[in-house]
Amino acid sequence: MATYDSGPPVRARHAAPETGTDGTRRADNTWIIMLVGAAVTFVLGLILVVWPHATLTVVAVLLGIQLLVLGIIGLIAGFTSSEAGGAVRTVDVVLGLLGILVGLYLIRHLSVTVTLMAILLGLYWVMRGIVDLIVAVLAGPVPGRWVKAVIGVISLAAGLIVLFKPNESLKFLLVVLGIYLMLYGLALAFWAFQARRFAREASPA
């Protein structure tokens, strides 16, 4: 859940924006990838909300897909970002790999229990939320900073809820997961459009 870590606000503080054709093209591709991840996340969240009787196997597959998509986006962000410092890029790559691993685990181990799923997702979301909040603070007073903070709060809150209630019913987990994914998808989509606007402003006249 990760591309936005390397989005425009961070570059605005640490390095001058790329104004060349290659830099603009890469930024344009980045916001499109982010928007795809946002759409996948929102749709999966909506499915979980409107399908209260989904089986644990179906939930594991859906969440595994979501983590795989956002994990891949995180890797793309980490390897293509023009961020001058390497800390944010490293975090993108690490969390991207972690998301992929957790996603693959959920897909391949369909007999996973509700408790184990809650613990895995909770730990991942808590780490994701903490990183997002740290990046939002370090980004300084730049446009879009509050979106990063909102994304971090959403992830942190969802992670803590499922961690402190890992033994709740699958129906409870579905509600939390669905609402979280929908909110996260909306926030990520907004961040994608912020990245597109930044790319257009940075493009040569």
N, C-alpha and C. Protein backbone atom coordinates (compact mmCIF):
# COMPACT_ATOMS: atom_id res chain seq x y z
N MET A 1 0.87 -1.13 0.00
CA MET A 1 0.00 0.00 0.00
C MET A 1 0.89 1.15 0.00
N ALA A 2 1.56 1.35 -1.25
CA ALA A 2 2.82 1.94 -0.94
C ALA A 2 3.29 3.00 -1.87
N THR A 3 2.81 3.08 -3.00
CA THR A 3 3.34 3.99 -3.99
C THR A 3 3.35 5.42 -3.51
N TYR A 4 2.33 5.79 -2.78
CA TYR A 4 2.23 7.17 -2.37
C TYR A 4 3.37 7.61 -1.50
N ASP A 5 4.14 6.67 -0.91
CA ASP A 5 5.29 7.07 -0.10
C ASP A 5 6.29 7.88 -0.91
N SER A 6 6.34 7.62 -2.20
CA SER A 6 7.33 8.30 -3.01
C SER A 6 6.67 9.36 -3.87
N GLY A 7 5.50 9.81 -3.48
CA GLY A 7 4.72 10.77 -4.25
C GLY A 7 5.29 12.15 -4.20
N PRO A 8 4.59 13.10 -4.78
CA PRO A 8 5.07 14.44 -4.96
C PRO A 8 5.49 15.17 -3.71
N PRO A 9 4.75 15.08 -2.56
CA PRO A 9 5.17 15.86 -1.40
C PRO A 9 6.58 15.55 -0.95
N VAL A 10 6.99 14.25 -0.99
CA VAL A 10 8.33 13.91 -0.51
C VAL A 10 9.38 14.47 -1.45
N ARG A 11 9.17 14.36 -2.77
CA ARG A 11 10.12 14.89 -3.71
C ARG A 11 10.21 16.40 -3.58
N ALA A 12 9.10 17.04 -3.27
CA ALA A 12 9.09 18.48 -3.21
C ALA A 12 10.01 19.00 -2.13
N ARG A 13 10.20 18.20 -1.10
CA ARG A 13 11.03 18.67 -0.02
C ARG A 13 12.50 18.37 -0.24
N HIS A 14 12.81 17.19 -0.74
CA HIS A 14 14.18 16.73 -0.77
C HIS A 14 14.89 16.98 -2.09
N ALA A 15 14.16 17.12 -3.16
CA ALA A 15 14.83 17.26 -4.44
C ALA A 15 13.95 18.04 -5.40
N ALA A 16 14.61 18.65 -6.37
CA ALA A 16 13.87 19.38 -7.38
C ALA A 16 13.11 18.40 -8.25
N PRO A 17 11.89 18.74 -8.68
CA PRO A 17 11.11 17.83 -9.50
C PRO A 17 11.75 17.61 -10.85
N GLU A 18 11.55 16.43 -11.39
CA GLU A 18 12.06 16.14 -12.71
C GLU A 18 11.24 16.87 -13.74
N THR A 19 11.92 17.56 -14.64
CA THR A 19 11.20 18.32 -15.65
C THR A 19 11.42 17.75 -17.04
N GLY A 20 12.26 16.74 -17.15
CA GLY A 20 12.52 16.14 -18.45
C GLY A 20 11.39 15.25 -18.89
N THR A 21 11.46 14.87 -20.16
CA THR A 21 10.41 14.02 -20.71
C THR A 21 10.35 12.67 -20.01
N ASP A 22 11.51 12.06 -19.75
CA ASP A 22 11.54 10.75 -19.09
C ASP A 22 10.96 10.82 -17.69
N GLY A 23 11.32 11.88 -16.94
CA GLY A 23 10.80 12.02 -15.58
C GLY A 23 9.31 12.22 -15.56
N THR A 24 8.81 13.04 -16.49
CA THR A 24 7.37 13.28 -16.56
C THR A 24 6.62 12.02 -16.94
N ARG A 25 7.18 11.27 -17.90
CA ARG A 25 6.52 10.03 -18.32
C ARG A 25 6.45 9.03 -17.17
N ARG A 26 7.55 8.94 -16.38
CA ARG A 26 7.56 8.02 -15.25
C ARG A 26 6.53 8.44 -14.21
N ALA A 27 6.41 9.74 -13.96
CA ALA A 27 5.42 10.24 -12.99
C ALA A 27 4.02 9.94 -13.48
N ASP A 28 3.79 10.11 -14.82
CA ASP A 28 2.47 9.82 -15.37
C ASP A 28 2.13 8.35 -15.17
N ASN A 29 3.08 7.47 -15.44
CA ASN A 29 2.85 6.04 -15.26
C ASN A 29 2.60 5.70 -13.80
N THR A 30 3.29 6.38 -12.90
CA THR A 30 3.14 6.11 -11.48
C THR A 30 1.73 6.40 -11.00
N TRP A 31 1.16 7.52 -11.40
CA TRP A 31 -0.17 7.86 -10.90
C TRP A 31 -1.22 6.90 -11.45
N ILE A 32 -1.00 6.39 -12.67
CA ILE A 32 -1.94 5.43 -13.24
C ILE A 32 -1.89 4.13 -12.45
N ILE A 33 -0.68 3.67 -12.11
CA ILE A 33 -0.52 2.44 -11.33
C ILE A 33 -1.17 2.61 -9.96
N MET A 34 -0.97 3.79 -9.35
CA MET A 34 -1.58 4.07 -8.06
C MET A 34 -3.11 4.01 -8.16
N LEU A 35 -3.66 4.56 -9.24
CA LEU A 35 -5.11 4.59 -9.40
C LEU A 35 -5.67 3.18 -9.58
N VAL A 36 -4.93 2.33 -10.29
CA VAL A 36 -5.36 0.94 -10.46
C VAL A 36 -5.40 0.24 -9.10
N GLY A 37 -4.34 0.46 -8.29
CA GLY A 37 -4.32 -0.12 -6.95
C GLY A 37 -5.46 0.38 -6.09
N ALA A 38 -5.79 1.67 -6.22
CA ALA A 38 -6.90 2.25 -5.46
C ALA A 38 -8.22 1.60 -5.86
N ALA A 39 -8.42 1.41 -7.17
CA ALA A 39 -9.66 0.81 -7.67
C ALA A 39 -9.81 -0.63 -7.18
N VAL A 40 -8.72 -1.40 -7.27
CA VAL A 40 -8.76 -2.79 -6.80
C VAL A 40 -9.08 -2.84 -5.31
N THR A 41 -8.44 -1.98 -4.55
CA THR A 41 -8.65 -1.95 -3.11
C THR A 41 -10.09 -1.60 -2.76
N PHE A 42 -10.64 -0.58 -3.41
CA PHE A 42 -12.01 -0.15 -3.12
C PHE A 42 -13.03 -1.23 -3.49
N VAL A 43 -12.85 -1.83 -4.66
CA VAL A 43 -13.80 -2.86 -5.12
C VAL A 43 -13.79 -4.06 -4.18
N LEU A 44 -12.61 -4.50 -3.77
CA LEU A 44 -12.53 -5.63 -2.86
C LEU A 44 -13.18 -5.29 -1.51
N GLY A 45 -12.97 -4.07 -1.04
CA GLY A 45 -13.62 -3.66 0.20
C GLY A 45 -15.13 -3.66 0.07
N LEU A 46 -15.63 -3.18 -1.06
CA LEU A 46 -17.07 -3.15 -1.30
C LEU A 46 -17.64 -4.56 -1.34
N ILE A 47 -16.91 -5.49 -1.95
CA ILE A 47 -17.36 -6.89 -2.01
C ILE A 47 -17.50 -7.46 -0.60
N LEU A 48 -16.53 -7.18 0.26
CA LEU A 48 -16.57 -7.71 1.61
C LEU A 48 -17.73 -7.12 2.41
N VAL A 49 -18.03 -5.84 2.18
CA VAL A 49 -19.12 -5.19 2.91
C VAL A 49 -20.49 -5.73 2.49
N VAL A 50 -20.69 -5.91 1.19
CA VAL A 50 -22.01 -6.34 0.69
C VAL A 50 -22.16 -7.86 0.68
N TRP A 51 -21.12 -8.57 1.06
CA TRP A 51 -21.18 -10.03 1.08
C TRP A 51 -20.85 -10.53 2.50
N PRO A 52 -21.78 -10.31 3.43
CA PRO A 52 -21.51 -10.63 4.84
C PRO A 52 -21.38 -12.12 5.12
N HIS A 53 -21.81 -12.95 4.18
CA HIS A 53 -21.74 -14.40 4.40
C HIS A 53 -20.61 -15.06 3.61
N ALA A 54 -19.64 -14.26 3.21
CA ALA A 54 -18.50 -14.82 2.48
C ALA A 54 -17.74 -15.81 3.36
N THR A 55 -17.20 -16.85 2.73
CA THR A 55 -16.46 -17.85 3.49
C THR A 55 -15.05 -17.34 3.78
N LEU A 56 -14.40 -17.99 4.73
CA LEU A 56 -13.05 -17.59 5.09
C LEU A 56 -12.09 -17.77 3.91
N THR A 57 -12.33 -18.80 3.11
CA THR A 57 -11.48 -19.04 1.94
C THR A 57 -11.57 -17.89 0.95
N VAL A 58 -12.80 -17.44 0.68
CA VAL A 58 -13.00 -16.33 -0.25
C VAL A 58 -12.33 -15.07 0.28
N VAL A 59 -12.49 -14.80 1.57
CA VAL A 59 -11.88 -13.62 2.17
C VAL A 59 -10.36 -13.67 2.06
N ALA A 60 -9.79 -14.83 2.32
CA ALA A 60 -8.34 -14.98 2.24
C ALA A 60 -7.84 -14.70 0.82
N VAL A 61 -8.56 -15.20 -0.18
CA VAL A 61 -8.16 -14.98 -1.57
C VAL A 61 -8.26 -13.50 -1.94
N LEU A 62 -9.37 -12.87 -1.58
CA LEU A 62 -9.57 -11.45 -1.90
C LEU A 62 -8.50 -10.58 -1.25
N LEU A 63 -8.24 -10.81 0.03
CA LEU A 63 -7.24 -10.01 0.72
C LEU A 63 -5.84 -10.32 0.21
N GLY A 64 -5.61 -11.57 -0.17
CA GLY A 64 -4.32 -11.92 -0.76
C GLY A 64 -4.08 -11.17 -2.05
N ILE A 65 -5.10 -11.08 -2.88
CA ILE A 65 -4.99 -10.34 -4.15
C ILE A 65 -4.70 -8.88 -3.89
N GLN A 66 -5.42 -8.30 -2.92
CA GLN A 66 -5.22 -6.89 -2.60
C GLN A 66 -3.81 -6.61 -2.13
N LEU A 67 -3.29 -7.46 -1.28
CA LEU A 67 -1.93 -7.28 -0.78
C LEU A 67 -0.90 -7.48 -1.88
N LEU A 68 -1.15 -8.41 -2.77
CA LEU A 68 -0.24 -8.63 -3.90
C LEU A 68 -0.18 -7.38 -4.79
N VAL A 69 -1.34 -6.83 -5.11
CA VAL A 69 -1.39 -5.64 -5.97
C VAL A 69 -0.66 -4.47 -5.33
N LEU A 70 -0.97 -4.19 -4.08
CA LEU A 70 -0.34 -3.05 -3.42
C LEU A 70 1.14 -3.33 -3.13
N GLY A 71 1.49 -4.59 -2.92
CA GLY A 71 2.89 -4.92 -2.74
C GLY A 71 3.70 -4.65 -4.00
N ILE A 72 3.14 -5.02 -5.13
CA ILE A 72 3.81 -4.77 -6.41
C ILE A 72 3.93 -3.27 -6.66
N ILE A 73 2.88 -2.53 -6.32
CA ILE A 73 2.93 -1.08 -6.47
C ILE A 73 4.04 -0.50 -5.59
N GLY A 74 4.19 -1.04 -4.38
CA GLY A 74 5.24 -0.59 -3.49
C GLY A 74 6.63 -0.82 -4.08
N LEU A 75 6.82 -1.98 -4.71
CA LEU A 75 8.11 -2.27 -5.33
C LEU A 75 8.38 -1.31 -6.49
N ILE A 76 7.36 -1.06 -7.29
CA ILE A 76 7.51 -0.13 -8.41
C ILE A 76 7.90 1.25 -7.89
N ALA A 77 7.24 1.69 -6.82
CA ALA A 77 7.54 2.99 -6.23
C ALA A 77 8.98 3.05 -5.73
N GLY A 78 9.40 1.98 -5.05
CA GLY A 78 10.74 1.97 -4.49
C GLY A 78 11.83 1.99 -5.53
N PHE A 79 11.61 1.32 -6.67
CA PHE A 79 12.65 1.22 -7.68
C PHE A 79 12.60 2.33 -8.73
N THR A 80 11.51 3.08 -8.81
CA THR A 80 11.40 4.12 -9.83
C THR A 80 11.36 5.52 -9.27
N SER A 81 11.26 5.68 -7.95
CA SER A 81 11.18 7.01 -7.36
C SER A 81 12.46 7.79 -7.59
N SER A 82 12.30 9.11 -7.77
CA SER A 82 13.45 9.99 -7.94
C SER A 82 13.83 10.65 -6.63
N GLU A 83 13.29 10.15 -5.52
CA GLU A 83 13.59 10.69 -4.19
C GLU A 83 15.09 10.70 -3.94
N ALA A 84 15.63 11.84 -3.49
CA ALA A 84 17.06 11.98 -3.29
C ALA A 84 17.56 11.08 -2.17
N GLY A 85 16.85 11.04 -1.07
CA GLY A 85 17.24 10.17 0.04
C GLY A 85 16.76 8.76 -0.20
N GLY A 86 17.44 7.78 0.40
CA GLY A 86 17.08 6.40 0.13
C GLY A 86 16.16 5.78 1.15
N ALA A 87 15.85 6.47 2.25
CA ALA A 87 15.06 5.88 3.32
C ALA A 87 13.65 5.52 2.86
N VAL A 88 12.97 6.46 2.20
CA VAL A 88 11.59 6.22 1.77
C VAL A 88 11.55 5.11 0.72
N ARG A 89 12.51 5.12 -0.18
CA ARG A 89 12.54 4.09 -1.23
C ARG A 89 12.77 2.72 -0.61
N THR A 90 13.65 2.65 0.36
CA THR A 90 13.91 1.38 1.02
C THR A 90 12.67 0.85 1.72
N VAL A 91 11.94 1.75 2.41
CA VAL A 91 10.72 1.35 3.10
C VAL A 91 9.68 0.87 2.11
N ASP A 92 9.57 1.55 0.97
CA ASP A 92 8.62 1.12 -0.07
C ASP A 92 8.91 -0.31 -0.51
N VAL A 93 10.19 -0.59 -0.76
CA VAL A 93 10.59 -1.92 -1.22
C VAL A 93 10.33 -2.98 -0.15
N VAL A 94 10.73 -2.69 1.09
CA VAL A 94 10.57 -3.66 2.18
C VAL A 94 9.10 -3.97 2.42
N LEU A 95 8.27 -2.92 2.53
CA LEU A 95 6.85 -3.14 2.78
C LEU A 95 6.17 -3.75 1.55
N GLY A 96 6.67 -3.42 0.36
CA GLY A 96 6.12 -4.04 -0.84
C GLY A 96 6.36 -5.54 -0.84
N LEU A 97 7.60 -5.94 -0.50
CA LEU A 97 7.93 -7.36 -0.41
C LEU A 97 7.11 -8.05 0.68
N LEU A 98 6.97 -7.37 1.82
CA LEU A 98 6.20 -7.94 2.91
C LEU A 98 4.74 -8.14 2.51
N GLY A 99 4.18 -7.15 1.82
CA GLY A 99 2.80 -7.27 1.36
C GLY A 99 2.62 -8.44 0.40
N ILE A 100 3.59 -8.62 -0.49
CA ILE A 100 3.53 -9.74 -1.44
C ILE A 100 3.60 -11.07 -0.71
N LEU A 101 4.50 -11.17 0.27
CA LEU A 101 4.65 -12.41 1.02
C LEU A 101 3.38 -12.77 1.79
N VAL A 102 2.80 -11.76 2.47
CA VAL A 102 1.57 -12.01 3.22
C VAL A 102 0.43 -12.37 2.26
N GLY A 103 0.36 -11.67 1.12
CA GLY A 103 -0.67 -11.96 0.14
C GLY A 103 -0.56 -13.37 -0.40
N LEU A 104 0.66 -13.79 -0.74
CA LEU A 104 0.86 -15.16 -1.23
C LEU A 104 0.53 -16.19 -0.17
N TYR A 105 0.85 -15.88 1.08
CA TYR A 105 0.55 -16.82 2.16
C TYR A 105 -0.96 -17.03 2.29
N LEU A 106 -1.72 -15.93 2.23
CA LEU A 106 -3.17 -16.03 2.36
C LEU A 106 -3.78 -16.81 1.19
N ILE A 107 -3.23 -16.64 0.00
CA ILE A 107 -3.77 -17.33 -1.17
C ILE A 107 -3.42 -18.81 -1.16
N ARG A 108 -2.20 -19.12 -0.74
CA ARG A 108 -1.73 -20.51 -0.78
C ARG A 108 -2.19 -21.33 0.43
N HIS A 109 -2.46 -20.67 1.55
CA HIS A 109 -2.90 -21.39 2.75
C HIS A 109 -4.36 -21.04 3.03
N LEU A 110 -5.25 -21.62 2.26
CA LEU A 110 -6.66 -21.28 2.34
C LEU A 110 -7.32 -21.80 3.62
N SER A 111 -6.60 -22.62 4.37
CA SER A 111 -7.15 -23.12 5.63
C SER A 111 -6.79 -22.21 6.80
N VAL A 112 -6.29 -21.01 6.48
CA VAL A 112 -5.91 -20.07 7.52
C VAL A 112 -7.10 -19.76 8.44
N THR A 113 -6.85 -19.58 9.73
CA THR A 113 -7.93 -19.28 10.67
C THR A 113 -8.20 -17.78 10.70
N VAL A 114 -9.35 -17.42 11.24
CA VAL A 114 -9.69 -16.01 11.37
C VAL A 114 -8.67 -15.29 12.24
N THR A 115 -8.25 -15.95 13.32
CA THR A 115 -7.30 -15.34 14.25
C THR A 115 -5.96 -15.07 13.57
N LEU A 116 -5.45 -16.06 12.84
CA LEU A 116 -4.17 -15.89 12.16
C LEU A 116 -4.26 -14.81 11.09
N MET A 117 -5.35 -14.78 10.36
CA MET A 117 -5.53 -13.76 9.33
C MET A 117 -5.54 -12.36 9.97
N ALA A 118 -6.26 -12.23 11.09
CA ALA A 118 -6.34 -10.94 11.76
C ALA A 118 -4.96 -10.49 12.23
N ILE A 119 -4.17 -11.42 12.76
CA ILE A 119 -2.84 -11.06 13.25
C ILE A 119 -1.93 -10.63 12.10
N LEU A 120 -1.93 -11.39 11.01
CA LEU A 120 -1.09 -11.05 9.86
C LEU A 120 -1.45 -9.69 9.28
N LEU A 121 -2.75 -9.49 9.05
CA LEU A 121 -3.19 -8.22 8.48
C LEU A 121 -2.97 -7.07 9.46
N GLY A 122 -3.26 -7.32 10.72
CA GLY A 122 -3.09 -6.27 11.73
C GLY A 122 -1.66 -5.79 11.82
N LEU A 123 -0.72 -6.71 11.87
CA LEU A 123 0.70 -6.34 11.95
C LEU A 123 1.13 -5.56 10.72
N TYR A 124 0.70 -6.01 9.55
CA TYR A 124 1.08 -5.33 8.32
C TYR A 124 0.50 -3.91 8.28
N TRP A 125 -0.77 -3.78 8.61
CA TRP A 125 -1.40 -2.46 8.56
C TRP A 125 -0.82 -1.50 9.59
N VAL A 126 -0.49 -2.01 10.75
CA VAL A 126 0.12 -1.15 11.78
C VAL A 126 1.46 -0.61 11.28
N MET A 127 2.28 -1.48 10.71
CA MET A 127 3.57 -1.03 10.17
C MET A 127 3.36 -0.04 9.04
N ARG A 128 2.41 -0.33 8.16
CA ARG A 128 2.11 0.56 7.05
C ARG A 128 1.65 1.93 7.57
N GLY A 129 0.79 1.94 8.56
CA GLY A 129 0.28 3.20 9.10
C GLY A 129 1.36 4.02 9.78
N ILE A 130 2.21 3.37 10.55
CA ILE A 130 3.30 4.09 11.23
C ILE A 130 4.24 4.73 10.22
N VAL A 131 4.59 3.98 9.18
CA VAL A 131 5.49 4.51 8.15
C VAL A 131 4.84 5.70 7.44
N ASP A 132 3.56 5.58 7.09
CA ASP A 132 2.87 6.67 6.41
C ASP A 132 2.84 7.94 7.26
N LEU A 133 2.59 7.78 8.55
CA LEU A 133 2.55 8.94 9.44
C LEU A 133 3.93 9.58 9.57
N ILE A 134 4.95 8.77 9.66
CA ILE A 134 6.32 9.30 9.75
C ILE A 134 6.68 10.09 8.49
N VAL A 135 6.34 9.51 7.34
CA VAL A 135 6.62 10.19 6.07
C VAL A 135 5.85 11.50 5.98
N ALA A 136 4.59 11.50 6.45
CA ALA A 136 3.79 12.72 6.42
C ALA A 136 4.41 13.81 7.27
N VAL A 137 4.96 13.43 8.43
CA VAL A 137 5.60 14.41 9.31
C VAL A 137 6.89 14.94 8.69
N LEU A 138 7.69 14.05 8.12
CA LEU A 138 8.98 14.45 7.56
C LEU A 138 8.84 15.22 6.25
N ALA A 139 7.68 15.08 5.61
CA ALA A 139 7.48 15.74 4.32
C ALA A 139 7.45 17.26 4.46
N GLY A 140 7.13 17.76 5.66
CA GLY A 140 7.06 19.20 5.85
C GLY A 140 5.75 19.78 5.33
N PRO A 141 5.61 21.10 5.36
CA PRO A 141 4.37 21.75 4.93
C PRO A 141 4.25 21.82 3.42
N VAL A 142 3.94 20.68 2.80
CA VAL A 142 3.81 20.62 1.35
C VAL A 142 2.41 20.13 0.99
N PRO A 143 1.95 20.44 -0.23
CA PRO A 143 0.61 20.00 -0.65
C PRO A 143 0.47 18.49 -0.60
N GLY A 144 -0.67 18.01 -0.14
CA GLY A 144 -0.93 16.58 -0.11
C GLY A 144 -0.45 15.89 1.14
N ARG A 145 0.21 16.63 2.02
CA ARG A 145 0.73 16.02 3.24
C ARG A 145 -0.39 15.42 4.09
N TRP A 146 -1.51 16.10 4.15
CA TRP A 146 -2.61 15.63 4.99
C TRP A 146 -3.21 14.33 4.46
N VAL A 147 -3.13 14.13 3.14
CA VAL A 147 -3.64 12.87 2.58
C VAL A 147 -2.80 11.71 3.07
N LYS A 148 -1.48 11.90 3.07
CA LYS A 148 -0.58 10.87 3.59
C LYS A 148 -0.89 10.57 5.05
N ALA A 149 -1.16 11.61 5.84
CA ALA A 149 -1.47 11.42 7.25
C ALA A 149 -2.78 10.65 7.42
N VAL A 150 -3.78 10.99 6.62
CA VAL A 150 -5.07 10.29 6.69
C VAL A 150 -4.90 8.82 6.35
N ILE A 151 -4.13 8.53 5.30
CA ILE A 151 -3.88 7.14 4.91
C ILE A 151 -3.21 6.38 6.05
N GLY A 152 -2.24 7.04 6.71
CA GLY A 152 -1.56 6.41 7.83
C GLY A 152 -2.48 6.13 8.99
N VAL A 153 -3.35 7.08 9.31
CA VAL A 153 -4.29 6.90 10.42
C VAL A 153 -5.25 5.75 10.12
N ILE A 154 -5.75 5.68 8.87
CA ILE A 154 -6.67 4.62 8.49
C ILE A 154 -6.02 3.24 8.67
N SER A 155 -4.78 3.10 8.17
CA SER A 155 -4.08 1.82 8.29
C SER A 155 -3.80 1.46 9.74
N LEU A 156 -3.33 2.45 10.51
CA LEU A 156 -2.99 2.20 11.90
C LEU A 156 -4.23 1.81 12.71
N ALA A 157 -5.33 2.51 12.50
CA ALA A 157 -6.56 2.23 13.24
C ALA A 157 -7.09 0.83 12.92
N ALA A 158 -7.13 0.50 11.63
CA ALA A 158 -7.63 -0.82 11.22
C ALA A 158 -6.73 -1.93 11.77
N GLY A 159 -5.43 -1.71 11.71
CA GLY A 159 -4.51 -2.72 12.21
C GLY A 159 -4.66 -2.96 13.69
N LEU A 160 -4.80 -1.89 14.47
CA LEU A 160 -4.95 -2.03 15.91
C LEU A 160 -6.26 -2.71 16.28
N ILE A 161 -7.33 -2.39 15.53
CA ILE A 161 -8.63 -2.99 15.82
C ILE A 161 -8.58 -4.51 15.67
N VAL A 162 -8.04 -4.98 14.55
CA VAL A 162 -8.02 -6.43 14.33
C VAL A 162 -6.99 -7.12 15.22
N LEU A 163 -5.93 -6.41 15.61
CA LEU A 163 -4.94 -7.02 16.50
C LEU A 163 -5.49 -7.21 17.91
N PHE A 164 -6.27 -6.23 18.37
CA PHE A 164 -6.82 -6.32 19.72
C PHE A 164 -8.07 -7.19 19.77
N LYS A 165 -8.63 -7.54 18.62
CA LYS A 165 -9.81 -8.41 18.59
C LYS A 165 -9.59 -9.53 17.57
N PRO A 166 -8.50 -10.27 17.69
CA PRO A 166 -8.21 -11.31 16.70
C PRO A 166 -9.14 -12.51 16.76
N ASN A 167 -9.83 -12.69 17.87
CA ASN A 167 -10.68 -13.86 18.04
C ASN A 167 -12.15 -13.59 17.75
N GLU A 168 -12.42 -12.40 17.20
CA GLU A 168 -13.80 -12.06 16.87
C GLU A 168 -14.27 -12.91 15.69
N SER A 169 -15.55 -12.85 15.40
CA SER A 169 -16.13 -13.65 14.33
C SER A 169 -15.67 -13.16 12.96
N LEU A 170 -15.86 -14.01 11.97
CA LEU A 170 -15.51 -13.65 10.60
C LEU A 170 -16.35 -12.46 10.14
N LYS A 171 -17.61 -12.40 10.57
CA LYS A 171 -18.48 -11.30 10.17
C LYS A 171 -17.91 -9.96 10.66
N PHE A 172 -17.42 -9.93 11.90
CA PHE A 172 -16.81 -8.71 12.44
C PHE A 172 -15.59 -8.33 11.62
N LEU A 173 -14.77 -9.32 11.30
CA LEU A 173 -13.56 -9.07 10.52
C LEU A 173 -13.92 -8.54 9.14
N LEU A 174 -14.97 -9.07 8.54
CA LEU A 174 -15.39 -8.61 7.22
C LEU A 174 -15.78 -7.14 7.23
N VAL A 175 -16.51 -6.73 8.26
CA VAL A 175 -16.93 -5.33 8.37
C VAL A 175 -15.72 -4.42 8.48
N VAL A 176 -14.81 -4.76 9.37
CA VAL A 176 -13.61 -3.94 9.55
C VAL A 176 -12.78 -3.89 8.27
N LEU A 177 -12.55 -5.06 7.67
CA LEU A 177 -11.75 -5.13 6.46
C LEU A 177 -12.39 -4.36 5.32
N GLY A 178 -13.71 -4.54 5.15
CA GLY A 178 -14.40 -3.87 4.06
C GLY A 178 -14.35 -2.36 4.18
N ILE A 179 -14.65 -1.85 5.35
CA ILE A 179 -14.62 -0.39 5.57
C ILE A 179 -13.21 0.15 5.38
N TYR A 180 -12.24 -0.58 5.93
CA TYR A 180 -10.84 -0.14 5.79
C TYR A 180 -10.43 -0.06 4.33
N LEU A 181 -10.71 -1.12 3.57
CA LEU A 181 -10.29 -1.16 2.18
C LEU A 181 -10.97 -0.07 1.35
N MET A 182 -12.24 0.20 1.63
CA MET A 182 -12.94 1.24 0.88
C MET A 182 -12.35 2.62 1.18
N LEU A 183 -12.13 2.91 2.45
CA LEU A 183 -11.54 4.20 2.83
C LEU A 183 -10.12 4.33 2.28
N TYR A 184 -9.37 3.25 2.37
CA TYR A 184 -8.00 3.27 1.89
C TYR A 184 -7.97 3.47 0.37
N GLY A 185 -8.88 2.81 -0.33
CA GLY A 185 -8.94 2.97 -1.78
C GLY A 185 -9.27 4.39 -2.19
N LEU A 186 -10.21 5.03 -1.49
CA LEU A 186 -10.56 6.42 -1.79
C LEU A 186 -9.38 7.36 -1.54
N ALA A 187 -8.70 7.16 -0.41
CA ALA A 187 -7.55 8.00 -0.08
C ALA A 187 -6.42 7.81 -1.09
N LEU A 188 -6.19 6.58 -1.48
CA LEU A 188 -5.13 6.30 -2.45
C LEU A 188 -5.46 6.88 -3.82
N ALA A 189 -6.75 6.86 -4.19
CA ALA A 189 -7.16 7.46 -5.46
C ALA A 189 -6.92 8.96 -5.45
N PHE A 190 -7.24 9.61 -4.33
CA PHE A 190 -7.00 11.04 -4.22
C PHE A 190 -5.51 11.33 -4.34
N TRP A 191 -4.70 10.49 -3.72
CA TRP A 191 -3.25 10.66 -3.78
C TRP A 191 -2.75 10.49 -5.22
N ALA A 192 -3.37 9.57 -5.98
CA ALA A 192 -2.98 9.35 -7.37
C ALA A 192 -3.24 10.60 -8.20
N PHE A 193 -4.39 11.24 -7.99
CA PHE A 193 -4.69 12.45 -8.74
C PHE A 193 -3.78 13.61 -8.33
N GLN A 194 -3.36 13.62 -7.07
CA GLN A 194 -2.37 14.61 -6.64
C GLN A 194 -1.06 14.39 -7.40
N ALA A 195 -0.67 13.14 -7.57
CA ALA A 195 0.56 12.83 -8.29
C ALA A 195 0.44 13.23 -9.76
N ARG A 196 -0.74 13.04 -10.35
CA ARG A 196 -0.93 13.44 -11.74
C ARG A 196 -0.81 14.95 -11.89
N ARG A 197 -1.40 15.69 -10.95
CA ARG A 197 -1.30 17.15 -11.01
C ARG A 197 0.14 17.61 -10.87
N PHE A 198 0.87 16.97 -9.99
CA PHE A 198 2.28 17.31 -9.81
C PHE A 198 3.07 17.05 -11.09
N ALA A 199 2.78 15.92 -11.76
CA ALA A 199 3.49 15.58 -12.98
C ALA A 199 3.22 16.63 -14.07
N ARG A 200 1.99 17.10 -14.17
CA ARG A 200 1.66 18.09 -15.17
C ARG A 200 2.32 19.43 -14.88
N GLU A 201 2.38 19.81 -13.59
CA GLU A 201 3.03 21.07 -13.22
C GLU A 201 4.54 21.00 -13.44
N ALA A 202 5.11 19.78 -13.32
CA ALA A 202 6.54 19.63 -13.48
C ALA A 202 6.97 19.45 -14.94
N SER A 203 5.98 19.20 -15.81
CA SER A 203 6.32 18.98 -17.22
C SER A 203 6.81 20.27 -17.87
N PRO A 204 7.74 20.19 -18.81
CA PRO A 204 8.27 21.39 -19.45
C PRO A 204 7.21 22.11 -20.27
N ALA A 205 7.30 23.41 -20.31
CA ALA A 205 6.32 24.22 -21.03
C ALA A 205 6.45 24.01 -22.54
